[in-house]
PDB file of N, CA and C in Angstrom:
ATOM      1  N   MET A   1       0.840  -1.179   0.000  1.00  0.00           N
ATOM      2  CA  MET A   1       0.000   0.000   0.000  1.00  0.00           C
ATOM      3  C   MET A   1       0.889   1.248   0.000  1.00  0.00           C
ATOM      4  N   ILE A   2       0.475   2.229  -0.768  1.00  0.00           N
ATOM      5  CA  ILE A   2       1.152   3.519  -0.806  1.00  0.00           C
ATOM      6  C   ILE A   2       0.193   4.555  -0.254  1.00  0.00           C
ATOM      7  N   HIS A   3       0.664   5.307   0.703  1.00  0.00           N
ATOM      8  CA  HIS A   3      -0.153   6.363   1.305  1.00  0.00           C
ATOM      9  C   HIS A   3       0.306   7.697   0.740  1.00  0.00           C
ATOM     10  N   ALA A   4      -0.580   8.400   0.042  1.00  0.00           N
ATOM     11  CA  ALA A   4      -0.275   9.708  -0.531  1.00  0.00           C
ATOM     12  C   ALA A   4      -1.339  10.690  -0.061  1.00  0.00           C
ATOM     13  N   GLY A   5      -1.072  11.324   1.056  1.00  0.00           N
ATOM     14  CA  GLY A   5      -2.059  12.244   1.615  1.00  0.00           C
ATOM     15  C   GLY A   5      -3.283  11.493   2.085  1.00  0.00           C
ATOM     16  N   ARG A   6      -4.431  11.836   1.538  1.00  0.00           N
ATOM     17  CA  ARG A   6      -5.662  11.140   1.937  1.00  0.00           C
ATOM     18  C   ARG A   6      -5.982   9.959   1.035  1.00  0.00           C
ATOM     19  N   TYR A   7      -5.087   9.656   0.108  1.00  0.00           N
ATOM     20  CA  TYR A   7      -5.302   8.554  -0.831  1.00  0.00           C
ATOM     21  C   TYR A   7      -4.439   7.352  -0.454  1.00  0.00           C
ATOM     22  N   TYR A   8      -4.990   6.176  -0.679  1.00  0.00           N
ATOM     23  CA  TYR A   8      -4.256   4.932  -0.497  1.00  0.00           C
ATOM     24  C   TYR A   8      -4.278   4.177  -1.814  1.00  0.00           C
ATOM     25  N   PHE A   9      -3.113   3.702  -2.227  1.00  0.00           N
ATOM     26  CA  PHE A   9      -2.999   2.959  -3.478  1.00  0.00           C
ATOM     27  C   PHE A   9      -2.452   1.573  -3.182  1.00  0.00           C
ATOM     28  N   GLU A  10      -3.103   0.585  -3.750  1.00  0.00           N
ATOM     29  CA  GLU A  10      -2.590  -0.769  -3.675  1.00  0.00           C
ATOM     30  C   GLU A  10      -1.867  -1.046  -4.987  1.00  0.00           C
ATOM     31  N   VAL A  11      -0.600  -1.378  -4.890  1.00  0.00           N
ATOM     32  CA  VAL A  11       0.211  -1.570  -6.081  1.00  0.00           C
ATOM     33  C   VAL A  11       0.260  -3.052  -6.421  1.00  0.00           C
ATOM     34  N   ALA A  12      -0.269  -3.372  -7.587  1.00  0.00           N
ATOM     35  CA  ALA A  12      -0.215  -4.746  -8.074  1.00  0.00           C
ATOM     36  C   ALA A  12       1.022  -4.890  -8.957  1.00  0.00           C
ATOM     37  N   GLU A  13       1.573  -6.076  -9.009  1.00  0.00           N
ATOM     38  CA  GLU A  13       2.785  -6.294  -9.795  1.00  0.00           C
ATOM     39  C   GLU A  13       2.553  -6.020 -11.278  1.00  0.00           C
ATOM     40  N   ALA A  14       1.393  -6.374 -11.772  1.00  0.00           N
ATOM     41  CA  ALA A  14       1.119  -6.233 -13.200  1.00  0.00           C
ATOM     42  C   ALA A  14       1.027  -4.773 -13.635  1.00  0.00           C
ATOM     43  N   CYS A  15       0.660  -3.866 -12.739  1.00  0.00           N
ATOM     44  CA  CYS A  15       0.483  -2.477 -13.145  1.00  0.00           C
ATOM     45  C   CYS A  15       1.398  -1.527 -12.385  1.00  0.00           C
ATOM     46  N   SER A  16       2.448  -2.023 -11.795  1.00  0.00           N
ATOM     47  CA  SER A  16       3.298  -1.170 -10.975  1.00  0.00           C
ATOM     48  C   SER A  16       4.171  -0.239 -11.792  1.00  0.00           C
ATOM     49  N   GLY A  17       4.402  -0.545 -13.048  1.00  0.00           N
ATOM     50  CA  GLY A  17       5.215   0.319 -13.879  1.00  0.00           C
ATOM     51  C   GLY A  17       6.702   0.032 -13.776  1.00  0.00           C
ATOM     52  N   ALA A  18       7.094  -0.911 -12.931  1.00  0.00           N
ATOM     53  CA  ALA A  18       8.511  -1.216 -12.767  1.00  0.00           C
ATOM     54  C   ALA A  18       9.116  -1.748 -14.065  1.00  0.00           C
ATOM     55  N   LYS A  19       8.358  -2.562 -14.765  1.00  0.00           N
ATOM     56  CA  LYS A  19       8.868  -3.091 -16.039  1.00  0.00           C
ATOM     57  C   LYS A  19       9.053  -1.969 -17.054  1.00  0.00           C
ATOM     58  N   PHE A  20       8.139  -1.004 -17.061  1.00  0.00           N
ATOM     59  CA  PHE A  20       8.241   0.139 -17.961  1.00  0.00           C
ATOM     60  C   PHE A  20       9.480   0.973 -17.645  1.00  0.00           C
ATOM     61  N   VAL A  21       9.707   1.252 -16.366  1.00  0.00           N
ATOM     62  CA  VAL A  21      10.861   2.059 -15.968  1.00  0.00           C
ATOM     63  C   VAL A  21      12.164   1.334 -16.306  1.00  0.00           C
ATOM     64  N   ILE A  22      12.229   0.054 -16.040  1.00  0.00           N
ATOM     65  CA  ILE A  22      13.435  -0.719 -16.343  1.00  0.00           C
ATOM     66  C   ILE A  22      13.692  -0.749 -17.846  1.00  0.00           C
ATOM     67  N   ALA A  23      12.642  -0.927 -18.631  1.00  0.00           N
ATOM     68  CA  ALA A  23      12.799  -0.948 -20.084  1.00  0.00           C
ATOM     69  C   ALA A  23      13.262   0.407 -20.617  1.00  0.00           C
ATOM     70  N   MET A  24      12.729   1.489 -20.089  1.00  0.00           N
ATOM     71  CA  MET A  24      13.116   2.824 -20.559  1.00  0.00           C
ATOM     72  C   MET A  24      14.547   3.165 -20.150  1.00  0.00           C
ATOM     73  N   VAL A  25      14.967   2.730 -18.978  1.00  0.00           N
ATOM     74  CA  VAL A  25      16.351   2.962 -18.555  1.00  0.00           C
ATOM     75  C   VAL A  25      17.305   2.148 -19.430  1.00  0.00           C
ATOM     76  N   ALA A  26      16.949   0.904 -19.730  1.00  0.00           N
ATOM     77  CA  ALA A  26      17.787   0.085 -20.610  1.00  0.00           C
ATOM     78  C   ALA A  26      17.873   0.689 -22.008  1.00  0.00           C
ATOM     79  N   PHE A  27      16.749   1.180 -22.511  1.00  0.00           N
ATOM     80  CA  PHE A  27      16.748   1.837 -23.810  1.00  0.00           C
ATOM     81  C   PHE A  27      17.581   3.125 -23.761  1.00  0.00           C
ATOM     82  N   GLY A  28      17.501   3.852 -22.660  1.00  0.00           N
ATOM     83  CA  GLY A  28      18.300   5.060 -22.490  1.00  0.00           C
ATOM     84  C   GLY A  28      19.790   4.767 -22.482  1.00  0.00           C
ATOM     85  N   VAL A  29      20.192   3.680 -21.852  1.00  0.00           N
ATOM     86  CA  VAL A  29      21.601   3.275 -21.852  1.00  0.00           C
ATOM     87  C   VAL A  29      22.062   2.949 -23.266  1.00  0.00           C
ATOM     88  N   LEU A  30      21.229   2.242 -24.021  1.00  0.00           N
ATOM     89  CA  LEU A  30      21.569   1.906 -25.402  1.00  0.00           C
ATOM     90  C   LEU A  30      21.725   3.158 -26.258  1.00  0.00           C
ATOM     91  N   VAL A  31      20.762   4.073 -26.169  1.00  0.00           N
ATOM     92  CA  VAL A  31      20.813   5.294 -26.967  1.00  0.00           C
ATOM     93  C   VAL A  31      21.998   6.162 -26.554  1.00  0.00           C
ATOM     94  N   ALA A  32      22.245   6.290 -25.263  1.00  0.00           N
ATOM     95  CA  ALA A  32      23.377   7.087 -24.793  1.00  0.00           C
ATOM     96  C   ALA A  32      24.693   6.513 -25.292  1.00  0.00           C
ATOM     97  N   ASN A  33      24.795   5.192 -25.299  1.00  0.00           N
ATOM     98  CA  ASN A  33      26.021   4.547 -25.761  1.00  0.00           C
ATOM     99  C   ASN A  33      26.228   4.738 -27.260  1.00  0.00           C
ATOM    100  N   LEU A  34      25.143   4.733 -28.029  1.00  0.00           N
ATOM    101  CA  LEU A  34      25.262   4.844 -29.479  1.00  0.00           C
ATOM    102  C   LEU A  34      25.367   6.283 -29.979  1.00  0.00           C
ATOM    103  N   CYS A  35      24.770   7.224 -29.268  1.00  0.00           N
ATOM    104  CA  CYS A  35      24.634   8.584 -29.798  1.00  0.00           C
ATOM    105  C   CYS A  35      25.583   9.615 -29.202  1.00  0.00           C
ATOM    106  N   PHE A  36      26.124   9.384 -28.037  1.00  0.00           N
ATOM    107  CA  PHE A  36      26.934  10.403 -27.386  1.00  0.00           C
ATOM    108  C   PHE A  36      28.352   9.918 -27.151  1.00  0.00           C
ATOM    109  N   VAL A  37      29.304  10.823 -27.380  1.00  0.00           N
ATOM    110  CA  VAL A  37      30.711  10.517 -27.129  1.00  0.00           C
ATOM    111  C   VAL A  37      31.135  11.117 -25.791  1.00  0.00           C
ATOM    112  N   SER A  38      30.668  12.332 -25.523  1.00  0.00           N
ATOM    113  CA  SER A  38      31.021  13.026 -24.287  1.00  0.00           C
ATOM    114  C   SER A  38      30.348  12.357 -23.099  1.00  0.00           C
ATOM    115  N   TRP A  39      31.101  12.106 -22.034  1.00  0.00           N
ATOM    116  CA  TRP A  39      30.530  11.452 -20.861  1.00  0.00           C
ATOM    117  C   TRP A  39      29.556  12.372 -20.148  1.00  0.00           C
ATOM    118  N   LYS A  40      29.736  13.694 -20.279  1.00  0.00           N
ATOM    119  CA  LYS A  40      28.802  14.624 -19.638  1.00  0.00           C
ATOM    120  C   LYS A  40      27.419  14.542 -20.290  1.00  0.00           C
ATOM    121  N   ARG A  41      27.390  14.543 -21.611  1.00  0.00           N
ATOM    122  CA  ARG A  41      26.106  14.424 -22.311  1.00  0.00           C
ATOM    123  C   ARG A  41      25.463  13.078 -22.049  1.00  0.00           C
ATOM    124  N   CYS A  42      26.302  12.064 -21.977  1.00  0.00           N
ATOM    125  CA  CYS A  42      25.809  10.710 -21.685  1.00  0.00           C
ATOM    126  C   CYS A  42      25.167  10.679 -20.298  1.00  0.00           C
ATOM    127  N   ALA A  43      25.810  11.302 -19.327  1.00  0.00           N
ATOM    128  CA  ALA A  43      25.290  11.317 -17.962  1.00  0.00           C
ATOM    129  C   ALA A  43      23.981  12.099 -17.880  1.00  0.00           C
ATOM    130  N   VAL A  44      23.901  13.225 -18.580  1.00  0.00           N
ATOM    131  CA  VAL A  44      22.660  14.011 -18.579  1.00  0.00           C
ATOM    132  C   VAL A  44      21.531  13.215 -19.217  1.00  0.00           C
ATOM    133  N   PHE A  45      21.818  12.574 -20.339  1.00  0.00           N
ATOM    134  CA  PHE A  45      20.789  11.780 -21.013  1.00  0.00           C
ATOM    135  C   PHE A  45      20.337  10.622 -20.136  1.00  0.00           C
ATOM    136  N   LEU A  46      21.247   9.963 -19.456  1.00  0.00           N
ATOM    137  CA  LEU A  46      20.882   8.852 -18.580  1.00  0.00           C
ATOM    138  C   LEU A  46      20.047   9.336 -17.398  1.00  0.00           C
ATOM    139  N   ALA A  47      20.382  10.503 -16.861  1.00  0.00           N
ATOM    140  CA  ALA A  47      19.592  11.055 -15.761  1.00  0.00           C
ATOM    141  C   ALA A  47      18.164  11.338 -16.221  1.00  0.00           C
ATOM    142  N   VAL A  48      18.030  11.908 -17.418  1.00  0.00           N
ATOM    143  CA  VAL A  48      16.691  12.186 -17.964  1.00  0.00           C
ATOM    144  C   VAL A  48      15.955  10.886 -18.247  1.00  0.00           C
ATOM    145  N   SER A  49      16.683   9.867 -18.729  1.00  0.00           N
ATOM    146  CA  SER A  49      16.036   8.597 -19.048  1.00  0.00           C
ATOM    147  C   SER A  49      15.612   7.832 -17.793  1.00  0.00           C
ATOM    148  N   ILE A  50      16.075   8.248 -16.641  1.00  0.00           N
ATOM    149  CA  ILE A  50      15.616   7.662 -15.387  1.00  0.00           C
ATOM    150  C   ILE A  50      14.467   8.487 -14.804  1.00  0.00           C
ATOM    151  N   ILE A  51      14.598   9.802 -14.825  1.00  0.00           N
ATOM    152  CA  ILE A  51      13.618  10.684 -14.196  1.00  0.00           C
ATOM    153  C   ILE A  51      12.313  10.745 -14.986  1.00  0.00           C
ATOM    154  N   LEU A  52      12.393  10.865 -16.297  1.00  0.00           N
ATOM    155  CA  LEU A  52      11.193  11.031 -17.121  1.00  0.00           C
ATOM    156  C   LEU A  52      10.238   9.839 -17.050  1.00  0.00           C
ATOM    157  N   PRO A  53      10.703   8.585 -17.142  1.00  0.00           N
ATOM    158  CA  PRO A  53       9.757   7.465 -16.999  1.00  0.00           C
ATOM    159  C   PRO A  53       9.111   7.392 -15.617  1.00  0.00           C
ATOM    160  N   VAL A  54       9.825   7.798 -14.581  1.00  0.00           N
ATOM    161  CA  VAL A  54       9.243   7.797 -13.238  1.00  0.00           C
ATOM    162  C   VAL A  54       8.124   8.834 -13.154  1.00  0.00           C
ATOM    163  N   ILE A  55       8.366  10.027 -13.712  1.00  0.00           N
ATOM    164  CA  ILE A  55       7.332  11.067 -13.726  1.00  0.00           C
ATOM    165  C   ILE A  55       6.132  10.613 -14.556  1.00  0.00           C
ATOM    166  N   ALA A  56       6.390  10.017 -15.721  1.00  0.00           N
ATOM    167  CA  ALA A  56       5.300   9.540 -16.580  1.00  0.00           C
ATOM    168  C   ALA A  56       4.482   8.467 -15.869  1.00  0.00           C
ATOM    169  N   ASN A  57       5.126   7.594 -15.137  1.00  0.00           N
ATOM    170  CA  ASN A  57       4.410   6.546 -14.409  1.00  0.00           C
ATOM    171  C   ASN A  57       3.598   7.140 -13.262  1.00  0.00           C
ATOM    172  N   ASP A  58       4.139   8.160 -12.601  1.00  0.00           N
ATOM    173  CA  ASP A  58       3.383   8.832 -11.543  1.00  0.00           C
ATOM    174  C   ASP A  58       2.126   9.487 -12.108  1.00  0.00           C
ATOM    175  N   LEU A  59       2.255  10.159 -13.241  1.00  0.00           N
ATOM    176  CA  LEU A  59       1.093  10.789 -13.861  1.00  0.00           C
ATOM    177  C   LEU A  59       0.046   9.747 -14.252  1.00  0.00           C
ATOM    178  N   ARG A  60       0.508   8.613 -14.753  1.00  0.00           N
ATOM    179  CA  ARG A  60      -0.416   7.543 -15.111  1.00  0.00           C
ATOM    180  C   ARG A  60      -1.102   6.983 -13.881  1.00  0.00           C
ATOM    181  N   ALA A  61      -0.357   6.819 -12.797  1.00  0.00           N
ATOM    182  CA  ALA A  61      -0.917   6.235 -11.579  1.00  0.00           C
ATOM    183  C   ALA A  61      -1.950   7.155 -10.935  1.00  0.00           C
ATOM    184  N   PHE A  62      -1.734   8.450 -11.005  1.00  0.00           N
ATOM    185  CA  PHE A  62      -2.676   9.394 -10.421  1.00  0.00           C
ATOM    186  C   PHE A  62      -3.804   9.756 -11.376  1.00  0.00           C
ATOM    187  N   GLY A  63      -3.782   9.200 -12.591  1.00  0.00           N
ATOM    188  CA  GLY A  63      -4.862   9.426 -13.534  1.00  0.00           C
ATOM    189  C   GLY A  63      -4.808  10.764 -14.237  1.00  0.00           C
ATOM    190  N   LEU A  64      -3.635  11.330 -14.372  1.00  0.00           N
ATOM    191  CA  LEU A  64      -3.484  12.636 -14.993  1.00  0.00           C
ATOM    192  C   LEU A  64      -2.943  12.534 -16.416  1.00  0.00           C
ATOM    193  N   SER A  65      -3.139  11.408 -17.051  1.00  0.00           N
ATOM    194  CA  SER A  65      -2.559  11.200 -18.374  1.00  0.00           C
ATOM    195  C   SER A  65      -3.357  11.871 -19.484  1.00  0.00           C
ATOM    196  N   GLY A  66      -4.529  12.413 -19.200  1.00  0.00           N
ATOM    197  CA  GLY A  66      -5.315  13.078 -20.214  1.00  0.00           C
ATOM    198  C   GLY A  66      -6.389  12.181 -20.824  1.00  0.00           C
ATOM    199  N   ARG A  67      -6.289  10.887 -20.613  1.00  0.00           N
ATOM    200  CA  ARG A  67      -7.299   9.955 -21.125  1.00  0.00           C
ATOM    201  C   ARG A  67      -8.444   9.878 -20.139  1.00  0.00           C
ATOM    202  N   ARG A  68      -9.625   9.798 -20.655  1.00  0.00           N
ATOM    203  CA  ARG A  68     -10.789   9.605 -19.781  1.00  0.00           C
ATOM    204  C   ARG A  68     -11.020   8.121 -19.598  1.00  0.00           C
ATOM    205  N   THR A  69     -11.209   7.720 -18.361  1.00  0.00           N
ATOM    206  CA  THR A  69     -11.440   6.311 -18.084  1.00  0.00           C
ATOM    207  C   THR A  69     -12.917   5.984 -17.983  1.00  0.00           C
ATOM    208  N   SER A  70     -13.759   7.011 -17.845  1.00  0.00           N
ATOM    209  CA  SER A  70     -15.189   6.757 -17.781  1.00  0.00           C
ATOM    210  C   SER A  70     -15.908   7.644 -18.796  1.00  0.00           C
ATOM    211  N   PRO A  71     -17.007   7.162 -19.335  1.00  0.00           N
ATOM    212  CA  PRO A  71     -17.732   7.988 -20.306  1.00  0.00           C
ATOM    213  C   PRO A  71     -18.361   9.202 -19.637  1.00  0.00           C
ATOM    214  N   ARG A  72     -18.624  10.211 -20.429  1.00  0.00           N
ATOM    215  CA  ARG A  72     -19.206  11.446 -19.892  1.00  0.00           C
ATOM    216  C   ARG A  72     -20.567  11.236 -19.432  1.00  0.00           C
TER     217      ARG A  72
END
């Protein structure tokens, strides 16, 4: 269970987003290795490839993705 203020979330393995984050970080490592020579740019890209999927998963978990889940 995750407690976020007055909300409680039960995290199931199938929808936890861990697989998504791991896949995006692995893809980020591949792209950084192929596209950047400078270690500074590589480090910045890897940091973004870790932070951005976590933020995207948080938005999805809180239902702020812009998709409507129920009809009007």
